[in-house]
Amino acid sequence: MPERALSFGTVADAYERYRPGYPAKLFDLVAQYAGRPVRSALEVDAGTGKATRPSRRPSGRRAPFLESDELLAPDGTPPGQELRWPGTELQRCELFTDVRQAVIERSLTRSAEEYVGLLSTVSAYLVLPEDARNEVFRRILAVLPERVELDADITAHLARRR
């Protein structure tokens, strides 16, 4: 398994700290799509469960196979295709129907330090030797403005079990 695919587990705390949470608009989108109270949902994401945390009941939990870096998320979707992965995979799967994709546009502002913290959760940096990674972050921080504007759009894929 590629080193990048296994890198997330080493920075879960930083991911939780620096990656942005999700807006209420995402939960409104899911509720509207469901058309009724949501009893269960599956979050497919390489992360700490931020997207489903606000909607979980106290008994809610993540599927054990999603708590590991062992699950890869390959994107076989051709560039320029409107429906992106994993929507394309959901659409091909006989287990799901009514597959939809929605984009929630959002912009965020972070301090330069927070932005570098966010970069510290990206696998391309995580696979660098520690000394090289620290030097890269030092150089990035040296040229950043005090506040960094981010395009942080969310692409949500919704599907129903057949």
N, C-alpha and C. Protein backbone atom coordinates (compact mmCIF):
# COMPACT_ATOMS: atom_id res chain seq x y z
N MET A 1 0.85 -1.17 0.00
CA MET A 1 0.00 0.00 0.00
C MET A 1 0.89 1.24 0.00
N PRO A 2 0.59 2.23 -0.82
CA PRO A 2 1.43 3.43 -0.90
C PRO A 2 1.54 4.15 0.45
N GLU A 3 2.73 4.72 0.68
CA GLU A 3 2.99 5.43 1.93
C GLU A 3 1.99 6.56 2.15
N ARG A 4 1.63 7.26 1.08
CA ARG A 4 0.66 8.37 1.23
C ARG A 4 -0.67 7.88 1.76
N ALA A 5 -1.09 6.69 1.34
CA ALA A 5 -2.37 6.16 1.78
C ALA A 5 -2.37 5.84 3.27
N LEU A 6 -1.21 5.58 3.82
CA LEU A 6 -1.12 5.21 5.23
C LEU A 6 -0.76 6.39 6.13
N SER A 7 -0.62 7.57 5.58
CA SER A 7 -0.09 8.69 6.35
C SER A 7 -1.10 9.37 7.27
N PHE A 8 -2.38 9.21 7.05
CA PHE A 8 -3.36 9.96 7.83
C PHE A 8 -3.30 9.65 9.32
N GLY A 9 -3.21 8.39 9.67
CA GLY A 9 -3.25 8.01 11.08
C GLY A 9 -2.23 8.72 11.94
N THR A 10 -1.14 9.15 11.36
CA THR A 10 -0.09 9.82 12.13
C THR A 10 -0.44 11.25 12.49
N VAL A 11 -1.45 11.83 11.85
CA VAL A 11 -1.78 13.24 12.09
C VAL A 11 -3.26 13.46 12.40
N ALA A 12 -3.92 12.47 12.94
CA ALA A 12 -5.34 12.61 13.21
C ALA A 12 -5.63 13.79 14.13
N ASP A 13 -4.80 14.03 15.13
CA ASP A 13 -5.02 15.17 16.04
C ASP A 13 -4.90 16.50 15.30
N ALA A 14 -3.89 16.63 14.44
CA ALA A 14 -3.73 17.86 13.66
C ALA A 14 -4.89 18.02 12.69
N TYR A 15 -5.34 16.93 12.11
CA TYR A 15 -6.48 16.97 11.20
C TYR A 15 -7.69 17.53 11.93
N GLU A 16 -7.94 17.01 13.10
CA GLU A 16 -9.07 17.47 13.90
C GLU A 16 -8.94 18.95 14.25
N ARG A 17 -7.75 19.39 14.54
CA ARG A 17 -7.52 20.79 14.93
C ARG A 17 -7.58 21.77 13.76
N TYR A 18 -6.96 21.43 12.64
CA TYR A 18 -6.79 22.39 11.56
C TYR A 18 -7.78 22.27 10.41
N ARG A 19 -8.32 21.10 10.17
CA ARG A 19 -9.28 20.97 9.08
C ARG A 19 -10.59 21.62 9.50
N PRO A 20 -11.21 22.36 8.59
CA PRO A 20 -12.46 23.03 8.95
C PRO A 20 -13.58 22.02 9.17
N GLY A 21 -14.51 22.39 10.03
CA GLY A 21 -15.70 21.57 10.24
C GLY A 21 -16.67 21.77 9.07
N TYR A 22 -17.89 21.34 9.26
CA TYR A 22 -18.86 21.41 8.19
C TYR A 22 -20.00 22.34 8.57
N PRO A 23 -20.51 23.11 7.60
CA PRO A 23 -21.58 24.07 7.89
C PRO A 23 -22.93 23.38 8.04
N ALA A 24 -23.85 24.06 8.74
CA ALA A 24 -25.21 23.55 8.92
C ALA A 24 -25.88 23.27 7.57
N LYS A 25 -25.47 24.02 6.55
CA LYS A 25 -26.06 23.83 5.21
C LYS A 25 -25.88 22.39 4.71
N LEU A 26 -24.79 21.74 5.09
CA LEU A 26 -24.58 20.35 4.69
C LEU A 26 -25.63 19.44 5.33
N PHE A 27 -25.90 19.64 6.60
CA PHE A 27 -26.88 18.81 7.30
C PHE A 27 -28.29 19.10 6.79
N ASP A 28 -28.55 20.37 6.44
CA ASP A 28 -29.84 20.73 5.83
C ASP A 28 -30.01 20.02 4.49
N LEU A 29 -28.94 19.95 3.71
CA LEU A 29 -28.96 19.27 2.42
C LEU A 29 -29.31 17.79 2.59
N VAL A 30 -28.67 17.15 3.56
CA VAL A 30 -28.92 15.72 3.81
C VAL A 30 -30.36 15.51 4.27
N ALA A 31 -30.84 16.35 5.18
CA ALA A 31 -32.21 16.22 5.68
C ALA A 31 -33.23 16.43 4.55
N GLN A 32 -32.97 17.41 3.70
CA GLN A 32 -33.88 17.68 2.58
C GLN A 32 -33.89 16.50 1.62
N TYR A 33 -32.74 15.95 1.33
CA TYR A 33 -32.64 14.80 0.43
C TYR A 33 -33.38 13.60 1.02
N ALA A 34 -33.21 13.36 2.32
CA ALA A 34 -33.85 12.22 2.98
C ALA A 34 -35.37 12.39 3.01
N GLY A 35 -35.83 13.62 3.19
CA GLY A 35 -37.27 13.86 3.24
C GLY A 35 -37.92 13.38 4.52
N ARG A 36 -37.12 12.95 5.46
CA ARG A 36 -37.61 12.47 6.76
C ARG A 36 -36.43 12.48 7.72
N PRO A 37 -36.68 12.27 9.01
CA PRO A 37 -35.54 12.24 9.94
C PRO A 37 -34.52 11.17 9.53
N VAL A 38 -33.27 11.50 9.63
CA VAL A 38 -32.20 10.59 9.21
C VAL A 38 -31.85 9.68 10.39
N ARG A 39 -32.09 8.37 10.21
CA ARG A 39 -31.76 7.40 11.26
C ARG A 39 -30.32 6.92 11.16
N SER A 40 -29.82 6.83 9.93
CA SER A 40 -28.44 6.38 9.76
C SER A 40 -27.87 7.00 8.50
N ALA A 41 -26.56 7.23 8.53
CA ALA A 41 -25.86 7.79 7.38
C ALA A 41 -24.45 7.25 7.40
N LEU A 42 -23.84 7.15 6.25
CA LEU A 42 -22.48 6.68 6.13
C LEU A 42 -21.62 7.82 5.61
N GLU A 43 -20.60 8.18 6.36
CA GLU A 43 -19.65 9.19 5.94
C GLU A 43 -18.45 8.48 5.35
N VAL A 44 -18.17 8.73 4.08
CA VAL A 44 -17.01 8.14 3.43
C VAL A 44 -16.01 9.28 3.25
N ASP A 45 -14.99 9.26 4.08
CA ASP A 45 -14.04 10.35 4.10
C ASP A 45 -12.79 9.86 4.84
N ALA A 46 -11.67 10.36 4.45
CA ALA A 46 -10.44 10.07 5.19
C ALA A 46 -10.32 11.15 6.25
N GLY A 47 -10.83 10.89 7.41
CA GLY A 47 -10.82 11.92 8.44
C GLY A 47 -11.24 11.38 9.78
N THR A 48 -11.63 12.29 10.64
CA THR A 48 -11.96 11.94 12.02
C THR A 48 -13.45 11.85 12.27
N GLY A 49 -14.27 11.92 11.23
CA GLY A 49 -15.71 11.81 11.39
C GLY A 49 -16.40 13.15 11.61
N LYS A 50 -15.74 14.24 11.26
CA LYS A 50 -16.31 15.58 11.49
C LYS A 50 -17.66 15.77 10.81
N ALA A 51 -17.85 15.20 9.65
CA ALA A 51 -19.09 15.45 8.91
C ALA A 51 -20.29 14.83 9.58
N THR A 52 -20.15 13.67 10.19
CA THR A 52 -21.31 13.02 10.78
C THR A 52 -21.42 13.25 12.29
N ARG A 53 -20.42 13.80 12.90
CA ARG A 53 -20.46 13.99 14.36
C ARG A 53 -21.69 14.77 14.82
N PRO A 54 -22.03 15.91 14.21
CA PRO A 54 -23.20 16.65 14.70
C PRO A 54 -24.52 15.90 14.56
N SER A 55 -24.60 14.94 13.65
CA SER A 55 -25.86 14.24 13.44
C SER A 55 -25.94 12.91 14.20
N ARG A 56 -24.87 12.52 14.85
CA ARG A 56 -24.85 11.23 15.54
C ARG A 56 -25.65 11.26 16.81
N ARG A 57 -26.36 10.18 17.03
CA ARG A 57 -26.98 9.97 18.33
C ARG A 57 -25.89 9.43 19.24
N PRO A 58 -26.10 9.46 20.55
CA PRO A 58 -25.06 8.97 21.45
C PRO A 58 -24.58 7.55 21.11
N SER A 59 -25.44 6.73 20.54
CA SER A 59 -25.03 5.36 20.21
C SER A 59 -24.33 5.26 18.86
N GLY A 60 -24.23 6.38 18.14
CA GLY A 60 -23.61 6.36 16.82
C GLY A 60 -22.13 6.03 16.89
N ARG A 61 -21.63 5.38 15.84
CA ARG A 61 -20.20 5.05 15.79
C ARG A 61 -19.79 4.90 14.34
N ARG A 62 -18.50 4.94 14.12
CA ARG A 62 -17.97 4.74 12.77
C ARG A 62 -17.79 3.27 12.51
N ALA A 63 -17.97 2.90 11.26
CA ALA A 63 -17.72 1.51 10.88
C ALA A 63 -16.24 1.20 11.10
N PRO A 64 -15.91 0.05 11.69
CA PRO A 64 -14.51 -0.25 12.01
C PRO A 64 -13.57 -0.18 10.81
N PHE A 65 -14.04 -0.58 9.62
CA PHE A 65 -13.14 -0.56 8.47
C PHE A 65 -12.82 0.85 8.03
N LEU A 66 -13.58 1.85 8.47
CA LEU A 66 -13.31 3.23 8.10
C LEU A 66 -12.38 3.91 9.10
N GLU A 67 -12.05 3.25 10.20
CA GLU A 67 -11.17 3.84 11.19
C GLU A 67 -9.71 3.56 10.88
N SER A 68 -9.46 2.94 9.76
CA SER A 68 -8.12 2.54 9.39
C SER A 68 -7.68 3.25 8.12
N ASP A 69 -6.38 3.43 7.99
CA ASP A 69 -5.83 3.97 6.75
C ASP A 69 -5.75 2.90 5.67
N GLU A 70 -6.22 1.70 5.95
CA GLU A 70 -6.13 0.60 5.00
C GLU A 70 -7.08 0.76 3.82
N LEU A 71 -8.09 1.62 3.90
CA LEU A 71 -9.07 1.78 2.85
C LEU A 71 -8.66 2.92 1.92
N LEU A 72 -8.37 2.59 0.69
CA LEU A 72 -7.97 3.60 -0.29
C LEU A 72 -9.19 4.25 -0.93
N ALA A 73 -9.01 5.44 -1.44
CA ALA A 73 -10.08 6.15 -2.12
C ALA A 73 -9.61 6.56 -3.51
N PRO A 74 -9.51 5.62 -4.45
CA PRO A 74 -9.01 5.96 -5.78
C PRO A 74 -10.04 6.76 -6.56
N ASP A 75 -9.57 7.73 -7.35
CA ASP A 75 -10.46 8.55 -8.16
C ASP A 75 -10.24 8.21 -9.62
N GLY A 76 -11.09 7.39 -10.13
CA GLY A 76 -10.97 7.01 -11.53
C GLY A 76 -11.81 7.89 -12.44
N THR A 77 -12.39 8.95 -11.91
CA THR A 77 -13.25 9.83 -12.70
C THR A 77 -12.42 10.68 -13.65
N PRO A 78 -12.76 10.68 -14.94
CA PRO A 78 -12.01 11.49 -15.89
C PRO A 78 -12.12 12.98 -15.56
N PRO A 79 -11.07 13.74 -15.83
CA PRO A 79 -11.12 15.19 -15.60
C PRO A 79 -12.27 15.82 -16.39
N GLY A 80 -12.92 16.79 -15.78
CA GLY A 80 -14.00 17.51 -16.45
C GLY A 80 -15.36 16.85 -16.36
N GLN A 81 -15.43 15.64 -15.86
CA GLN A 81 -16.73 14.99 -15.72
C GLN A 81 -17.49 15.66 -14.57
N GLU A 82 -18.78 15.94 -14.81
CA GLU A 82 -19.55 16.69 -13.81
C GLU A 82 -19.69 15.91 -12.50
N LEU A 83 -20.09 14.65 -12.57
CA LEU A 83 -20.21 13.83 -11.37
C LEU A 83 -18.84 13.29 -11.02
N ARG A 84 -18.38 13.60 -9.81
CA ARG A 84 -17.04 13.21 -9.37
C ARG A 84 -17.08 11.99 -8.46
N TRP A 85 -15.92 11.38 -8.24
CA TRP A 85 -15.80 10.27 -7.32
C TRP A 85 -16.06 10.80 -5.92
N PRO A 86 -16.78 10.10 -5.06
CA PRO A 86 -17.28 8.74 -5.18
C PRO A 86 -18.65 8.62 -5.81
N GLY A 87 -19.24 9.74 -6.25
CA GLY A 87 -20.55 9.68 -6.88
C GLY A 87 -20.57 8.75 -8.08
N THR A 88 -19.50 8.77 -8.86
CA THR A 88 -19.43 7.90 -10.03
C THR A 88 -19.46 6.43 -9.63
N GLU A 89 -18.78 6.11 -8.54
CA GLU A 89 -18.77 4.73 -8.07
C GLU A 89 -20.13 4.34 -7.49
N LEU A 90 -20.75 5.26 -6.76
CA LEU A 90 -22.09 5.00 -6.22
C LEU A 90 -23.08 4.76 -7.36
N GLN A 91 -22.95 5.53 -8.42
CA GLN A 91 -23.84 5.42 -9.56
C GLN A 91 -23.71 4.05 -10.25
N ARG A 92 -22.51 3.52 -10.29
CA ARG A 92 -22.27 2.22 -10.93
C ARG A 92 -22.67 1.04 -10.04
N CYS A 93 -22.79 1.28 -8.75
CA CYS A 93 -23.05 0.21 -7.80
C CYS A 93 -24.53 -0.14 -7.77
N GLU A 94 -24.84 -1.42 -7.87
CA GLU A 94 -26.23 -1.86 -7.87
C GLU A 94 -26.92 -1.69 -6.51
N LEU A 95 -26.16 -1.38 -5.48
CA LEU A 95 -26.73 -1.21 -4.14
C LEU A 95 -27.38 0.16 -3.93
N PHE A 96 -27.07 1.13 -4.83
CA PHE A 96 -27.54 2.49 -4.63
C PHE A 96 -28.34 3.01 -5.82
N THR A 97 -29.21 3.95 -5.53
CA THR A 97 -30.00 4.62 -6.56
C THR A 97 -30.11 6.10 -6.19
N ASP A 98 -30.66 6.89 -7.09
CA ASP A 98 -30.90 8.31 -6.86
C ASP A 98 -29.62 9.02 -6.38
N VAL A 99 -28.53 8.79 -7.08
CA VAL A 99 -27.23 9.39 -6.72
C VAL A 99 -27.23 10.86 -7.16
N ARG A 100 -26.86 11.71 -6.23
CA ARG A 100 -26.81 13.15 -6.51
C ARG A 100 -25.51 13.73 -5.98
N GLN A 101 -25.13 14.81 -6.61
CA GLN A 101 -23.95 15.56 -6.18
C GLN A 101 -24.36 17.01 -5.97
N ALA A 102 -23.90 17.59 -4.88
CA ALA A 102 -24.20 19.00 -4.61
C ALA A 102 -22.91 19.66 -4.12
N VAL A 103 -22.73 20.90 -4.52
CA VAL A 103 -21.56 21.66 -4.09
C VAL A 103 -22.03 22.78 -3.17
N ILE A 104 -21.45 22.84 -1.99
CA ILE A 104 -21.72 23.91 -1.04
C ILE A 104 -20.50 24.82 -1.08
N GLU A 105 -20.70 26.01 -1.59
CA GLU A 105 -19.59 26.95 -1.71
C GLU A 105 -19.33 27.63 -0.37
N ARG A 106 -18.05 27.76 -0.04
CA ARG A 106 -17.69 28.48 1.18
C ARG A 106 -16.26 28.98 1.06
N SER A 107 -16.03 30.09 1.73
CA SER A 107 -14.70 30.68 1.82
C SER A 107 -14.35 30.78 3.29
N LEU A 108 -13.11 30.54 3.60
CA LEU A 108 -12.64 30.60 4.98
C LEU A 108 -11.39 31.46 5.05
N THR A 109 -11.16 32.03 6.21
CA THR A 109 -9.95 32.80 6.45
C THR A 109 -9.22 32.15 7.62
N ARG A 110 -7.93 31.91 7.43
CA ARG A 110 -7.11 31.31 8.47
C ARG A 110 -5.86 32.16 8.67
N SER A 111 -5.30 32.09 9.86
CA SER A 111 -4.00 32.73 10.07
C SER A 111 -2.96 31.95 9.28
N ALA A 112 -1.83 32.55 9.04
CA ALA A 112 -0.75 31.86 8.32
C ALA A 112 -0.36 30.59 9.06
N GLU A 113 -0.29 30.65 10.38
CA GLU A 113 0.09 29.48 11.19
C GLU A 113 -0.96 28.38 11.07
N GLU A 114 -2.24 28.76 11.08
CA GLU A 114 -3.31 27.77 10.93
C GLU A 114 -3.27 27.14 9.54
N TYR A 115 -2.95 27.94 8.54
CA TYR A 115 -2.87 27.41 7.19
C TYR A 115 -1.74 26.39 7.07
N VAL A 116 -0.60 26.69 7.65
CA VAL A 116 0.51 25.73 7.63
C VAL A 116 0.11 24.49 8.43
N GLY A 117 -0.64 24.68 9.52
CA GLY A 117 -1.15 23.53 10.26
C GLY A 117 -2.04 22.66 9.38
N LEU A 118 -2.87 23.29 8.57
CA LEU A 118 -3.71 22.56 7.62
C LEU A 118 -2.85 21.79 6.63
N LEU A 119 -1.82 22.44 6.10
CA LEU A 119 -0.91 21.75 5.17
C LEU A 119 -0.24 20.55 5.83
N SER A 120 -0.04 20.64 7.14
CA SER A 120 0.63 19.53 7.84
C SER A 120 -0.21 18.27 7.88
N THR A 121 -1.47 18.35 7.43
CA THR A 121 -2.34 17.17 7.38
C THR A 121 -2.44 16.58 5.99
N VAL A 122 -1.74 17.16 5.02
CA VAL A 122 -1.81 16.72 3.62
C VAL A 122 -0.75 15.65 3.37
N SER A 123 -1.17 14.54 2.80
CA SER A 123 -0.27 13.40 2.65
C SER A 123 0.99 13.70 1.85
N ALA A 124 0.91 14.59 0.87
CA ALA A 124 2.10 14.92 0.08
C ALA A 124 3.22 15.49 0.96
N TYR A 125 2.86 16.20 2.01
CA TYR A 125 3.86 16.73 2.94
C TYR A 125 4.25 15.68 3.98
N LEU A 126 3.30 14.86 4.37
CA LEU A 126 3.55 13.87 5.42
C LEU A 126 4.60 12.83 5.04
N VAL A 127 4.72 12.56 3.76
CA VAL A 127 5.68 11.54 3.33
C VAL A 127 7.10 12.08 3.21
N LEU A 128 7.26 13.40 3.33
CA LEU A 128 8.61 13.98 3.30
C LEU A 128 9.34 13.64 4.59
N PRO A 129 10.65 13.50 4.54
CA PRO A 129 11.41 13.33 5.79
C PRO A 129 11.13 14.53 6.70
N GLU A 130 11.11 14.30 7.99
CA GLU A 130 10.72 15.34 8.95
C GLU A 130 11.50 16.64 8.78
N ASP A 131 12.81 16.55 8.63
CA ASP A 131 13.62 17.77 8.47
C ASP A 131 13.21 18.55 7.22
N ALA A 132 13.00 17.84 6.11
CA ALA A 132 12.60 18.49 4.87
C ALA A 132 11.21 19.10 5.01
N ARG A 133 10.31 18.36 5.64
CA ARG A 133 8.95 18.86 5.84
C ARG A 133 8.96 20.14 6.68
N ASN A 134 9.71 20.15 7.76
CA ASN A 134 9.80 21.34 8.61
C ASN A 134 10.38 22.53 7.84
N GLU A 135 11.36 22.28 6.99
CA GLU A 135 11.96 23.35 6.18
C GLU A 135 10.94 23.89 5.17
N VAL A 136 10.19 23.01 4.55
CA VAL A 136 9.16 23.44 3.60
C VAL A 136 8.13 24.32 4.32
N PHE A 137 7.67 23.89 5.47
CA PHE A 137 6.68 24.67 6.22
C PHE A 137 7.26 26.01 6.66
N ARG A 138 8.52 26.03 7.04
CA ARG A 138 9.17 27.29 7.44
C ARG A 138 9.20 28.26 6.26
N ARG A 139 9.54 27.75 5.08
CA ARG A 139 9.61 28.61 3.89
C ARG A 139 8.22 29.10 3.47
N ILE A 140 7.24 28.25 3.56
CA ILE A 140 5.88 28.65 3.22
C ILE A 140 5.41 29.75 4.17
N LEU A 141 5.63 29.52 5.45
CA LEU A 141 5.21 30.49 6.46
C LEU A 141 5.88 31.86 6.25
N ALA A 142 7.11 31.84 5.79
CA ALA A 142 7.87 33.08 5.57
C ALA A 142 7.28 33.95 4.46
N VAL A 143 6.56 33.35 3.51
CA VAL A 143 6.04 34.13 2.39
C VAL A 143 4.53 34.36 2.46
N LEU A 144 3.87 33.76 3.41
CA LEU A 144 2.42 33.92 3.51
C LEU A 144 2.04 35.27 4.12
N PRO A 145 0.89 35.82 3.72
CA PRO A 145 0.39 36.99 4.43
C PRO A 145 -0.10 36.56 5.82
N GLU A 146 -0.39 37.52 6.65
CA GLU A 146 -0.84 37.22 8.01
C GLU A 146 -2.13 36.40 8.01
N ARG A 147 -3.04 36.69 7.08
CA ARG A 147 -4.32 35.98 6.94
C ARG A 147 -4.38 35.35 5.56
N VAL A 148 -4.85 34.12 5.47
CA VAL A 148 -4.93 33.38 4.21
C VAL A 148 -6.39 33.09 3.90
N GLU A 149 -6.81 33.47 2.70
CA GLU A 149 -8.18 33.21 2.23
C GLU A 149 -8.20 31.85 1.53
N LEU A 150 -9.16 31.01 1.88
CA LEU A 150 -9.27 29.68 1.30
C LEU A 150 -10.60 29.49 0.59
N ASP A 151 -10.57 28.89 -0.58
CA ASP A 151 -11.78 28.37 -1.19
C ASP A 151 -11.95 26.98 -0.59
N ALA A 152 -13.02 26.78 0.16
CA ALA A 152 -13.20 25.51 0.88
C ALA A 152 -14.55 24.90 0.55
N ASP A 153 -14.85 24.84 -0.75
CA ASP A 153 -16.12 24.27 -1.18
C ASP A 153 -16.21 22.80 -0.76
N ILE A 154 -17.43 22.37 -0.51
CA ILE A 154 -17.69 20.98 -0.13
C ILE A 154 -18.49 20.33 -1.25
N THR A 155 -18.02 19.20 -1.74
CA THR A 155 -18.78 18.42 -2.71
C THR A 155 -19.39 17.24 -1.96
N ALA A 156 -20.72 17.22 -1.89
CA ALA A 156 -21.43 16.15 -1.18
C ALA A 156 -22.05 15.21 -2.20
N HIS A 157 -21.96 13.93 -1.90
CA HIS A 157 -22.61 12.91 -2.73
C HIS A 157 -23.67 12.23 -1.89
N LEU A 158 -24.86 12.15 -2.42
CA LEU A 158 -25.99 11.56 -1.73
C LEU A 158 -26.51 10.39 -2.55
N ALA A 159 -26.91 9.32 -1.88
CA ALA A 159 -27.44 8.16 -2.57
C ALA A 159 -28.37 7.40 -1.62
N ARG A 160 -29.29 6.68 -2.19
CA ARG A 160 -30.21 5.87 -1.40
C ARG A 160 -29.90 4.39 -1.63
N ARG A 161 -30.02 3.62 -0.56
CA ARG A 161 -29.91 2.17 -0.70
C ARG A 161 -31.11 1.65 -1.48
N ARG A 162 -30.86 0.72 -2.37
CA ARG A 162 -32.01 0.10 -3.10
C ARG A 162 -32.78 -0.79 -2.16
